[in-house]
Amino acid sequence: MVLTRLLLDVAKPVGEYNIIDLAKDLSKYVSGGTVFIKVEEVDIRTEALKIVIEGKKINFEGVNSAIKDRGAVINSLDEVTISSNGKKK
């Protein structure tokens, strides 16, 4: 089984870095896919982001670490898709 899609609700500090930098960091953990980030809300200290990651294989541990390393936090995991890789055990 392979993780192929994630929808994350993430909070990041305002002004620390832009979403392009975050998307580049996250793309390192996606094989053959895309990273989409939308700013949903901005307040004084944080930006609320919706992040969609799709690909042939997603390394969730890497994604989680990249988000934490940027000082952001995953508020919720809103969608997950797991695909069969077609191999029998």
Protein backbone atom coordinates (compact mmCIF):
# COMPACT_ATOMS: atom_id res chain seq x y z
CA MET A 1 0.00 0.00 0.00
CA VAL A 2 1.24 3.47 -0.93
CA LEU A 3 0.20 6.92 0.27
CA THR A 4 -0.80 8.91 -2.86
CA ARG A 5 -2.81 11.92 -1.60
CA LEU A 6 -2.93 14.11 1.49
CA LEU A 7 -5.07 17.11 2.42
CA LEU A 8 -3.60 18.92 5.40
CA ASP A 9 -4.77 21.85 7.51
CA VAL A 10 -1.56 23.61 8.58
CA ALA A 11 -0.75 26.75 10.59
CA LYS A 12 2.51 28.55 9.83
CA PRO A 13 4.08 31.67 11.33
CA VAL A 14 3.42 34.89 9.39
CA GLY A 15 6.42 36.40 7.64
CA GLU A 16 8.92 33.64 8.42
CA TYR A 17 8.97 32.33 4.81
CA ASN A 18 6.63 32.18 1.83
CA ILE A 19 4.49 29.28 0.64
CA ILE A 20 6.72 28.74 -2.40
CA ASP A 21 9.60 27.81 -0.10
CA LEU A 22 7.34 25.47 1.87
CA ALA A 23 6.05 23.84 -1.34
CA LYS A 24 9.64 23.26 -2.52
CA ASP A 25 10.51 21.65 0.83
CA LEU A 26 7.46 19.38 0.70
CA SER A 27 8.02 18.38 -2.93
CA LYS A 28 11.21 16.57 -1.84
CA TYR A 29 8.99 13.94 -0.22
CA VAL A 30 6.67 13.32 -3.18
CA SER A 31 7.58 10.96 -5.99
CA GLY A 32 6.05 11.96 -9.34
CA GLY A 33 3.52 14.41 -8.01
CA THR A 34 2.47 17.91 -7.06
CA VAL A 35 2.15 20.14 -4.00
CA PHE A 36 -0.67 22.71 -3.86
CA ILE A 37 -0.85 25.29 -1.05
CA LYS A 38 -3.65 27.78 -0.50
CA VAL A 39 -3.68 30.47 2.20
CA GLU A 40 -7.12 30.22 3.80
CA GLU A 41 -6.79 32.84 6.53
CA VAL A 42 -4.23 35.24 7.98
CA ASP A 43 -4.18 36.68 11.48
CA ILE A 44 -1.53 38.59 13.41
CA ARG A 45 0.72 35.60 14.12
CA THR A 46 -0.27 32.74 11.81
CA GLU A 47 -1.42 31.82 8.33
CA ALA A 48 -3.93 28.98 7.96
CA LEU A 49 -3.00 26.82 4.97
CA LYS A 50 -4.69 24.03 3.05
CA ILE A 51 -2.03 21.79 1.55
CA VAL A 52 -2.83 19.13 -1.05
CA ILE A 53 -0.06 16.69 -1.91
CA GLU A 54 -0.57 14.14 -4.68
CA GLY A 55 1.87 11.70 -6.19
CA LYS A 56 2.86 8.14 -6.91
CA LYS A 57 4.37 7.86 -3.43
CA ILE A 58 4.33 10.31 -0.52
CA ASN A 59 6.69 10.03 2.43
CA PHE A 60 4.46 11.27 5.27
CA GLU A 61 7.26 11.23 7.84
CA GLY A 62 9.31 13.50 5.58
CA VAL A 63 6.37 15.83 4.97
CA ASN A 64 5.65 16.03 8.70
CA SER A 65 9.32 16.77 9.49
CA ALA A 66 9.56 19.45 6.79
CA ILE A 67 6.49 21.21 8.19
CA LYS A 68 7.83 21.05 11.77
CA ASP A 69 11.29 22.23 10.67
CA ARG A 70 9.66 25.38 9.28
CA GLY A 71 7.97 26.08 12.64
CA ALA A 72 4.54 25.14 11.32
CA VAL A 73 2.09 22.61 12.72
CA ILE A 74 -0.39 20.18 11.19
CA ASN A 75 -3.77 20.98 12.75
CA SER A 76 -5.56 18.12 11.02
CA LEU A 77 -5.23 15.46 8.39
CA ASP A 78 -8.44 16.07 6.41
CA GLU A 79 -8.09 13.54 3.56
CA VAL A 80 -5.85 10.58 2.84
CA THR A 81 -5.69 8.27 -0.16
CA ILE A 82 -3.84 4.98 -0.01
CA SER A 83 -3.39 3.03 -3.26
CA SER A 84 -2.47 -0.56 -3.81
CA ASN A 85 0.89 -1.02 -5.44
CA GLY A 86 -0.31 -4.18 -7.15
CA LYS A 87 2.17 -6.48 -5.42
CA LYS A 88 1.09 -9.50 -3.43
CA LYS A 89 2.67 -10.27 -0.10
